[in-house]
Amino acid sequence: MNVAFRMPLEQARLIGSQQTSPTGCTKEEAEQANLAFDASVKQFLRDWIDHGTALSHLPDPESDVDEFIEQGALRCFFKHREDAFQQLLDQEAIARHLLRPITDVFFDSDAYEPLLARYERRIYNLAAHRRHLEVPFRYSPPSRQEADGDTIDYSAMPADQVREDIGMYFGTRRSDETALTIMGGKLRQEAWPYTHLPIHVVTEGYMEESLRAVKMATGHLQEKEDFRLHCFLIHRRHAADDRHLGAALLLMNPKEPNQPHRVIFCDTLNPGGIPPWWHKFKHKLDTVFPQPEGYAPVSDRLEDGGVNLQRLHDGVPVRHQDIDCAFYSFSMVRALIGVAKLAPHVILHGPAEKIVGMMTARMPEYFVLPNQPRDPVLVREENVWLRWNTGREALKNLKRKPAVEVPMPQMVVETTPQAIELPA
């Protein structure tokens, strides 16, 4: 796919060669870097074996070390070392390659599939079996992995035996919990400090649980006699069996914890005038905020604050499907935080149409002008850039972690202007 890979904050480059990625990195450059990386990992594993650490794990004391390195050594290293990933990231050459910017990555097809080194792909796949070690979007599902961490090569299999799905491609894999945690941390940073309107961000749980947390937190505010209006912003999946992510804004009066002052639902697509998840959200809203008999349901005051960014999948090849609702909804929440800070009166009193216009004006990665989306090709490229950089952030976090894993404490609901933490 020979197009310009136009990225915000990245200089655009027009590409005309079949052997050049839309990022500007040639296939030859990527292959050389990958070979050097594989050599660095092999040398690391050889040193691990030579130091005697791995001798007891060799399948056969007489087995060939080179063959062991080529096959099961890396898997064995991850199996027997709690700090396996951190040790690899402590090696400068290995860390430099894993943390390389997208401009040093070759994407070899119109699916925007990155050309990864063999041992690099193994590292991502093996690490994904450990909680909190996932590198978002870069690993294959366990069902698509071989024993030593290689991704199953479906090109060598008969076409009738291959079941294509979104887990096969870097550009279509879902945002995992590591990615959502990174996004949640950014939103919490954006929300603090607030100006006149206290802002809370909910980034854990599913949508109904998030709504319950808003209600509970508002009750705590009432107990503290904090009777200011508070703005709650949710960025969550809808349910355990519904992987779509959406966003919502609730304006709450602590004097009435069961009566949201205002509710705006922000979906990522709107193909027929009503967001596909509109009625599901209304049901969740009325479940969490039931009203006495004879009173209008809370969902009657629900307002539409969605955009029409996410592309439908009808007739679209799997490799081209748009599975980027996490990035769209993240961008909406971040923009709404900005609106709440700079123009709280609009959140309090302005019509939903004005809020959406101000929101999209603060989403330059997806909108050229307020309510005017960018070209879908450029939106796709932006999401590829975000996918790669989210993986880089996960790797940076792993590199900063201590070698010994410490159990995470149980999270509790906190009512602060900065954020709300929900039970994991």
Protein backbone atom coordinates (compact mmCIF):
# COMPACT_ATOMS: atom_id res chain seq x y z
CA MET A 1 0.00 0.00 0.00
CA ASN A 2 1.98 2.97 -1.28
CA VAL A 3 0.43 5.99 0.38
CA ALA A 4 1.67 8.76 2.61
CA PHE A 5 1.69 7.70 6.24
CA ARG A 6 0.42 11.01 7.59
CA MET A 7 0.68 11.20 11.36
CA PRO A 8 0.09 14.10 13.71
CA LEU A 9 3.41 15.23 15.14
CA GLU A 10 5.16 13.06 12.52
CA GLN A 11 6.48 14.52 9.27
CA ALA A 12 4.61 13.15 6.26
CA ARG A 13 6.55 11.22 3.65
CA LEU A 14 5.39 10.28 0.16
CA ILE A 15 6.40 6.73 -0.62
CA GLY A 16 6.68 5.23 -4.07
CA SER A 17 8.72 2.04 -3.72
CA GLN A 18 7.24 -1.42 -3.26
CA GLN A 19 10.04 -2.11 -0.74
CA THR A 20 9.33 0.97 1.37
CA SER A 21 6.84 1.11 4.21
CA PRO A 22 4.39 3.99 4.52
CA THR A 23 6.50 5.04 7.52
CA GLY A 24 9.57 5.57 5.35
CA CYS A 25 11.48 2.56 6.65
CA THR A 26 12.65 0.24 3.89
CA LYS A 27 12.22 -3.50 4.08
CA GLU A 28 15.98 -3.99 3.85
CA GLU A 29 16.59 -1.64 6.79
CA ALA A 30 13.99 -3.45 8.89
CA GLU A 31 15.38 -6.88 8.01
CA GLN A 32 18.92 -5.84 8.98
CA ALA A 33 17.68 -4.43 12.29
CA ASN A 34 15.70 -7.60 12.91
CA LEU A 35 18.69 -9.84 12.25
CA ALA A 36 20.82 -7.79 14.64
CA PHE A 37 18.09 -8.02 17.27
CA ASP A 38 17.77 -11.79 16.92
CA ALA A 39 21.54 -12.10 17.28
CA SER A 40 21.42 -10.01 20.49
CA VAL A 41 18.71 -12.22 21.99
CA LYS A 42 20.57 -15.41 21.05
CA GLN A 43 23.75 -14.09 22.66
CA PHE A 44 21.80 -13.20 25.78
CA LEU A 45 20.37 -16.71 25.96
CA ARG A 46 23.80 -18.24 25.36
CA ASP A 47 25.22 -16.19 28.24
CA TRP A 48 22.34 -17.35 30.43
CA ILE A 49 23.16 -20.96 29.56
CA ASP A 50 26.93 -20.53 29.93
CA HIS A 51 26.50 -19.10 33.40
CA GLY A 52 24.95 -22.41 34.38
CA THR A 53 21.54 -20.92 35.15
CA ALA A 54 19.76 -22.93 32.48
CA LEU A 55 21.57 -26.24 32.67
CA SER A 56 18.92 -27.90 34.79
CA HIS A 57 16.26 -26.83 32.31
CA LEU A 58 17.86 -28.33 29.22
CA PRO A 59 15.63 -31.10 27.85
CA ASP A 60 18.70 -33.31 27.55
CA PRO A 61 22.16 -32.60 29.05
CA GLU A 62 23.69 -33.85 25.80
CA SER A 63 21.39 -31.76 23.62
CA ASP A 64 22.84 -29.20 21.27
CA VAL A 65 22.92 -25.73 22.82
CA ASP A 66 22.48 -24.01 19.46
CA GLU A 67 19.38 -26.07 18.76
CA PHE A 68 18.05 -25.26 22.24
CA ILE A 69 18.56 -21.55 21.61
CA GLU A 70 16.80 -21.82 18.25
CA GLN A 71 13.83 -23.65 19.76
CA GLY A 72 12.88 -23.67 23.42
CA ALA A 73 15.43 -21.52 25.26
CA LEU A 74 13.42 -18.32 25.26
CA ARG A 75 10.27 -20.12 26.40
CA CYS A 76 12.30 -21.81 29.12
CA PHE A 77 13.74 -18.45 30.19
CA PHE A 78 10.25 -16.95 30.56
CA LYS A 79 9.01 -20.04 32.36
CA HIS A 80 11.69 -20.03 35.05
CA ARG A 81 12.36 -16.32 35.51
CA GLU A 82 9.75 -14.02 37.04
CA ASP A 83 11.78 -11.05 35.84
CA ALA A 84 12.42 -12.43 32.34
CA PHE A 85 11.07 -9.42 30.46
CA GLN A 86 12.82 -6.93 32.73
CA GLN A 87 16.14 -8.74 32.23
CA LEU A 88 15.74 -8.54 28.48
CA LEU A 89 14.89 -4.83 28.68
CA ASP A 90 18.04 -4.28 30.73
CA GLN A 91 20.06 -5.18 27.62
CA GLU A 92 20.63 -1.98 25.66
CA ALA A 93 20.52 -3.49 22.17
CA ILE A 94 17.37 -5.48 22.94
CA ALA A 95 15.57 -2.57 24.60
CA ARG A 96 16.52 -0.16 21.80
CA HIS A 97 14.92 -2.42 19.19
CA LEU A 98 11.75 -3.18 21.14
CA LEU A 99 11.31 0.53 21.94
CA ARG A 100 12.04 1.76 18.41
CA PRO A 101 9.74 4.47 17.01
CA ILE A 102 7.23 3.70 14.30
CA THR A 103 9.44 5.43 11.72
CA ASP A 104 11.89 2.54 12.15
CA VAL A 105 9.24 -0.11 11.47
CA PHE A 106 8.41 -1.60 8.08
CA PHE A 107 4.71 -2.29 7.49
CA ASP A 108 4.60 -4.85 4.73
CA SER A 109 0.98 -4.90 3.54
CA ASP A 110 -2.25 -2.96 3.32
CA ALA A 111 -3.13 -4.52 6.69
CA TYR A 112 -0.38 -2.35 8.21
CA GLU A 113 1.30 -5.45 9.58
CA PRO A 114 4.71 -4.62 11.11
CA LEU A 115 7.71 -6.68 10.08
CA LEU A 116 8.90 -7.98 13.46
CA ALA A 117 12.03 -9.99 14.23
CA ARG A 118 11.50 -13.68 14.93
CA TYR A 119 12.63 -13.48 18.55
CA GLU A 120 10.80 -10.20 18.99
CA ARG A 121 7.51 -11.85 18.11
CA ARG A 122 8.37 -14.73 20.42
CA ILE A 123 9.00 -12.31 23.28
CA TYR A 124 5.63 -10.61 22.81
CA ASN A 125 3.80 -13.93 22.55
CA LEU A 126 5.48 -15.53 25.56
CA ALA A 127 5.12 -12.41 27.71
CA ALA A 128 1.39 -12.27 27.00
CA HIS A 129 0.93 -15.45 29.05
CA ARG A 130 1.93 -13.44 32.13
CA ARG A 131 -0.48 -10.95 33.64
CA HIS A 132 0.66 -7.32 33.32
CA LEU A 133 3.42 -8.22 30.85
CA GLU A 134 1.34 -7.84 27.69
CA VAL A 135 2.60 -5.48 24.99
CA PRO A 136 -0.68 -4.28 23.43
CA PHE A 137 -1.45 -5.25 19.83
CA ARG A 138 1.93 -6.94 19.23
CA TYR A 139 1.13 -10.49 20.37
CA SER A 140 -0.97 -13.23 18.83
CA PRO A 141 -3.77 -14.95 20.77
CA PRO A 142 -2.64 -18.16 22.52
CA SER A 143 -4.62 -20.22 20.00
CA ARG A 144 -2.42 -18.80 17.25
CA GLN A 145 0.89 -19.52 18.97
CA GLU A 146 3.19 -22.50 18.69
CA ALA A 147 4.89 -24.00 21.74
CA ASP A 148 8.07 -21.95 21.52
CA GLY A 149 6.25 -18.66 21.05
CA ASP A 150 6.25 -18.49 17.26
CA THR A 151 3.08 -17.26 15.60
CA ILE A 152 1.49 -19.99 13.50
CA ASP A 153 2.25 -19.45 9.83
CA TYR A 154 -1.09 -19.77 8.08
CA SER A 155 0.36 -19.00 4.65
CA ALA A 156 1.64 -22.58 4.47
CA MET A 157 -1.75 -24.07 5.36
CA PRO A 158 -4.63 -24.90 3.01
CA ALA A 159 -7.01 -21.98 2.73
CA ASP A 160 -9.98 -24.06 3.89
CA GLN A 161 -8.22 -24.76 7.21
CA VAL A 162 -7.57 -21.12 8.06
CA ARG A 163 -10.18 -19.20 10.03
CA GLU A 164 -9.39 -15.53 9.59
CA ASP A 165 -10.31 -13.23 12.46
CA ILE A 166 -9.27 -9.90 13.96
CA GLY A 167 -6.74 -11.58 16.27
CA MET A 168 -4.49 -12.27 13.29
CA TYR A 169 -3.52 -8.68 12.57
CA PHE A 170 -1.72 -5.91 14.42
CA GLY A 171 -4.21 -3.38 13.03
CA THR A 172 -7.33 -5.23 14.15
CA ARG A 173 -6.48 -6.75 17.55
CA ARG A 174 -8.58 -5.45 20.42
CA SER A 175 -7.26 -3.11 23.08
CA ASP A 176 -6.28 -5.30 26.03
CA GLU A 177 -6.31 -4.31 29.70
CA THR A 178 -2.75 -3.03 29.50
CA ALA A 179 -3.74 -0.61 26.73
CA LEU A 180 -6.84 0.53 28.61
CA THR A 181 -4.79 1.04 31.78
CA ILE A 182 -2.38 3.27 29.87
CA MET A 183 -5.28 5.29 28.45
CA GLY A 184 -6.90 5.54 31.88
CA GLY A 185 -3.71 6.90 33.40
CA LYS A 186 -3.54 9.60 30.76
CA LEU A 187 -7.15 10.60 31.36
CA ARG A 188 -6.58 10.87 35.11
CA GLN A 189 -3.60 13.13 34.47
CA GLU A 190 -5.69 15.30 32.14
CA ALA A 191 -8.47 15.62 34.72
CA TRP A 192 -6.24 17.13 37.42
CA PRO A 193 -6.14 19.89 38.41
CA TYR A 194 -9.67 21.03 37.65
CA THR A 195 -10.72 24.70 37.59
CA HIS A 196 -14.29 25.45 38.65
CA LEU A 197 -16.07 22.18 37.88
CA PRO A 198 -14.74 19.12 39.76
CA ILE A 199 -13.91 16.37 37.24
CA HIS A 200 -13.79 12.63 37.99
CA VAL A 201 -12.69 9.90 35.58
CA VAL A 202 -13.97 6.32 35.75
CA THR A 203 -11.73 3.85 33.91
CA GLU A 204 -12.38 0.47 35.54
CA GLY A 205 -15.26 -1.98 35.54
CA TYR A 206 -17.88 -2.35 32.81
CA MET A 207 -20.37 0.37 31.93
CA GLU A 208 -23.05 -0.60 34.46
CA GLU A 209 -20.46 -0.95 37.22
CA SER A 210 -19.06 2.43 36.28
CA LEU A 211 -22.51 4.01 36.58
CA ARG A 212 -22.91 2.44 40.00
CA ALA A 213 -19.54 3.87 41.04
CA VAL A 214 -20.71 7.33 39.97
CA LYS A 215 -23.83 6.95 42.08
CA MET A 216 -21.84 5.67 45.08
CA ALA A 217 -19.27 8.45 44.80
CA THR A 218 -22.03 11.05 44.62
CA GLY A 219 -23.50 9.61 47.81
CA HIS A 220 -20.09 10.00 49.48
CA LEU A 221 -20.00 13.63 48.37
CA GLN A 222 -23.40 14.14 49.98
CA GLU A 223 -22.08 12.68 53.24
CA LYS A 224 -19.17 15.14 53.10
CA GLU A 225 -21.63 17.99 52.43
CA ASP A 226 -19.92 18.83 49.18
CA PHE A 227 -22.92 20.07 47.25
CA ARG A 228 -21.17 21.41 44.17
CA LEU A 229 -22.10 19.93 40.81
CA HIS A 230 -19.54 17.30 39.79
CA CYS A 231 -18.65 16.09 36.31
CA PHE A 232 -18.07 12.33 35.90
CA LEU A 233 -16.56 10.94 32.70
CA ILE A 234 -16.63 7.20 31.91
CA HIS A 235 -14.38 5.34 29.46
CA ARG A 236 -15.30 1.65 29.60
CA ARG A 237 -16.42 -1.45 27.76
CA HIS A 238 -20.17 -1.99 27.78
CA ALA A 239 -20.17 -5.49 29.28
CA ALA A 240 -18.14 -8.68 29.66
CA ASP A 241 -19.87 -10.10 26.58
CA ASP A 242 -19.78 -6.81 24.64
CA ARG A 243 -16.26 -5.68 23.78
CA HIS A 244 -17.27 -2.29 22.38
CA LEU A 245 -15.98 0.75 24.29
CA GLY A 246 -18.03 3.84 24.84
CA ALA A 247 -17.88 7.06 26.80
CA ALA A 248 -20.38 8.93 28.93
CA LEU A 249 -20.61 12.22 30.80
CA LEU A 250 -22.73 12.50 33.93
CA LEU A 251 -23.29 15.77 35.73
CA MET A 252 -24.20 14.92 39.32
CA ASN A 253 -25.74 16.95 42.14
CA PRO A 254 -24.70 15.40 45.50
CA LYS A 255 -28.03 16.48 46.95
CA GLU A 256 -29.68 13.93 44.64
CA PRO A 257 -27.36 10.92 44.11
CA ASN A 258 -30.14 8.97 42.36
CA GLN A 259 -30.99 11.79 39.97
CA PRO A 260 -28.27 12.59 37.42
CA HIS A 261 -28.50 16.27 36.59
CA ARG A 262 -27.36 15.57 33.05
CA VAL A 263 -26.35 12.45 31.08
CA ILE A 264 -24.61 12.49 27.69
CA PHE A 265 -23.78 9.22 25.94
CA CYS A 266 -20.83 9.35 23.53
CA ASP A 267 -20.66 6.52 21.01
CA THR A 268 -18.10 6.09 18.25
CA LEU A 269 -20.43 5.46 15.31
CA ASN A 270 -23.90 6.47 14.24
CA PRO A 271 -24.85 4.81 10.95
CA GLY A 272 -28.61 5.29 11.08
CA GLY A 273 -29.37 8.27 13.31
CA ILE A 274 -29.34 6.31 16.58
CA PRO A 275 -26.07 5.01 18.07
CA PRO A 276 -26.10 1.18 18.04
CA TRP A 277 -25.57 1.00 21.82
CA TRP A 278 -28.13 3.72 22.65
CA HIS A 279 -30.89 1.46 23.96
CA LYS A 280 -28.45 -0.76 25.90
CA PHE A 281 -27.06 2.30 27.63
CA LYS A 282 -30.56 3.55 28.44
CA HIS A 283 -31.35 0.21 30.06
CA LYS A 284 -28.17 0.33 32.16
CA LEU A 285 -28.95 3.89 33.18
CA ASP A 286 -32.45 3.02 34.40
CA THR A 287 -31.15 -0.10 36.16
CA VAL A 288 -28.61 1.90 38.17
CA PHE A 289 -30.83 4.94 38.77
CA PRO A 290 -34.37 3.54 39.26
CA GLN A 291 -37.08 6.12 39.86
CA PRO A 292 -40.24 5.84 41.99
CA GLU A 293 -43.42 4.72 40.30
CA GLY A 294 -45.06 7.55 38.45
CA TYR A 295 -41.79 9.42 37.80
CA ALA A 296 -40.11 9.67 34.40
CA PRO A 297 -37.09 7.36 33.99
CA VAL A 298 -33.64 8.91 34.05
CA SER A 299 -33.07 7.71 30.49
CA ASP A 300 -35.66 10.23 29.30
CA ARG A 301 -33.09 12.96 29.84
CA LEU A 302 -30.32 11.11 27.97
CA GLU A 303 -28.56 13.23 25.33
CA ASP A 304 -26.54 12.12 22.31
CA GLY A 305 -22.92 13.27 22.34
CA GLY A 306 -21.54 10.71 19.92
CA VAL A 307 -19.56 10.98 16.71
CA ASN A 308 -19.56 8.97 13.50
CA LEU A 309 -15.92 7.89 13.24
CA GLN A 310 -15.82 4.11 13.46
CA ARG A 311 -16.36 2.36 10.14
CA LEU A 312 -18.90 -0.44 9.72
CA HIS A 313 -17.63 -3.93 8.86
CA ASP A 314 -20.22 -4.97 6.29
CA GLY A 315 -18.34 -6.34 3.30
CA VAL A 316 -14.98 -5.21 4.68
CA PRO A 317 -12.06 -7.70 4.71
CA VAL A 318 -11.07 -8.72 8.22
CA ARG A 319 -7.65 -7.10 7.91
CA HIS A 320 -9.31 -3.73 7.15
CA GLN A 321 -11.91 -3.75 9.92
CA ASP A 322 -12.06 -0.84 12.35
CA ILE A 323 -11.52 -2.15 15.90
CA ASP A 324 -10.37 1.18 17.32
CA CYS A 325 -13.31 2.20 19.50
CA ALA A 326 -10.93 2.44 22.48
CA PHE A 327 -8.94 5.22 20.81
CA TYR A 328 -12.03 7.08 19.59
CA SER A 329 -13.73 7.03 22.99
CA PHE A 330 -10.46 7.92 24.75
CA SER A 331 -10.10 10.93 22.48
CA MET A 332 -13.68 12.00 23.23
CA VAL A 333 -13.20 11.78 27.01
CA ARG A 334 -9.91 13.66 26.84
CA ALA A 335 -11.57 16.38 24.76
CA LEU A 336 -14.53 16.59 27.15
CA ILE A 337 -12.12 17.04 30.06
CA GLY A 338 -10.69 20.02 28.19
CA VAL A 339 -14.14 21.47 27.59
CA ALA A 340 -15.09 21.00 31.25
CA LYS A 341 -11.94 22.83 32.31
CA LEU A 342 -12.08 25.74 29.88
CA ALA A 343 -15.83 26.19 29.47
CA PRO A 344 -17.63 24.57 32.43
CA HIS A 345 -20.73 26.67 31.71
CA VAL A 346 -21.14 24.78 28.42
CA ILE A 347 -21.08 21.44 30.25
CA LEU A 348 -23.54 22.81 32.79
CA HIS A 349 -25.98 24.60 30.50
CA GLY A 350 -25.01 24.32 26.83
CA PRO A 351 -26.88 22.19 24.30
CA ALA A 352 -25.39 18.81 23.43
CA GLU A 353 -24.70 19.99 19.89
CA LYS A 354 -22.43 22.74 21.17
CA ILE A 355 -20.63 20.32 23.49
CA VAL A 356 -20.01 17.93 20.59
CA GLY A 357 -18.74 20.78 18.42
CA MET A 358 -16.30 21.91 21.12
CA MET A 359 -15.32 18.30 21.77
CA THR A 360 -14.49 17.52 18.13
CA ALA A 361 -12.57 20.80 17.88
CA ARG A 362 -10.23 19.34 20.51
CA MET A 363 -9.77 16.06 18.58
CA PRO A 364 -7.38 17.09 15.76
CA GLU A 365 -6.20 13.50 15.33
CA TYR A 366 -9.67 12.66 14.01
CA PHE A 367 -11.30 15.95 12.96
CA VAL A 368 -10.06 18.60 10.51
CA LEU A 369 -12.58 21.11 11.86
CA PRO A 370 -15.38 20.84 14.43
CA ASN A 371 -17.73 18.03 13.34
CA GLN A 372 -15.70 17.46 10.16
CA PRO A 373 -13.91 14.08 10.32
CA ARG A 374 -10.56 13.49 8.66
CA ASP A 375 -10.27 11.19 5.68
CA PRO A 376 -10.83 7.54 6.80
CA VAL A 377 -7.42 6.53 5.41
CA LEU A 378 -5.73 9.14 7.60
CA VAL A 379 -7.81 8.07 10.59
CA ARG A 380 -6.67 4.48 10.04
CA GLU A 381 -3.05 5.57 9.88
CA GLU A 382 -3.46 7.61 13.06
CA ASN A 383 -4.76 4.51 14.83
CA VAL A 384 -1.82 2.42 13.62
CA TRP A 385 0.48 5.09 15.06
CA LEU A 386 -1.44 4.99 18.35
CA ARG A 387 -1.29 1.20 18.45
CA TRP A 388 2.48 1.13 18.02
CA ASN A 389 3.07 3.92 20.55
CA THR A 390 0.78 2.28 23.10
CA GLY A 391 3.04 -0.77 22.90
CA ARG A 392 6.07 1.47 23.40
CA GLU A 393 4.50 2.97 26.52
CA ALA A 394 3.79 -0.49 27.89
CA LEU A 395 7.43 -1.44 27.32
CA LYS A 396 8.66 1.73 29.01
CA ASN A 397 6.49 0.91 32.01
CA LEU A 398 7.89 -2.61 32.15
CA LYS A 399 11.43 -1.28 31.93
CA ARG A 400 10.75 0.95 34.95
CA LYS A 401 9.19 -1.85 37.03
CA PRO A 402 11.20 -3.51 39.81
CA ALA A 403 12.43 -7.02 39.05
CA VAL A 404 10.32 -8.61 41.80
CA GLU A 405 6.61 -8.57 41.17
CA VAL A 406 4.58 -7.25 44.11
CA PRO A 407 0.88 -8.22 44.44
CA MET A 408 -1.38 -5.29 43.67
CA PRO A 409 -3.52 -4.07 46.60
CA GLN A 410 -7.28 -4.26 46.28
CA MET A 411 -8.63 -1.10 44.72
CA VAL A 412 -11.39 0.88 46.36
CA VAL A 413 -13.73 3.63 45.32
CA GLU A 414 -12.21 7.02 46.08
CA THR A 415 -13.99 10.31 45.76
CA THR A 416 -11.42 12.91 44.73
CA PRO A 417 -11.47 15.63 42.08
CA GLN A 418 -8.87 13.64 40.20
CA ALA A 419 -10.46 10.25 39.60
CA ILE A 420 -12.48 7.31 40.82
CA GLU A 421 -10.92 3.90 41.21
CA LEU A 422 -13.20 0.91 41.01
CA PRO A 423 -12.68 -2.66 42.20
CA ALA A 424 -10.66 -4.50 39.59
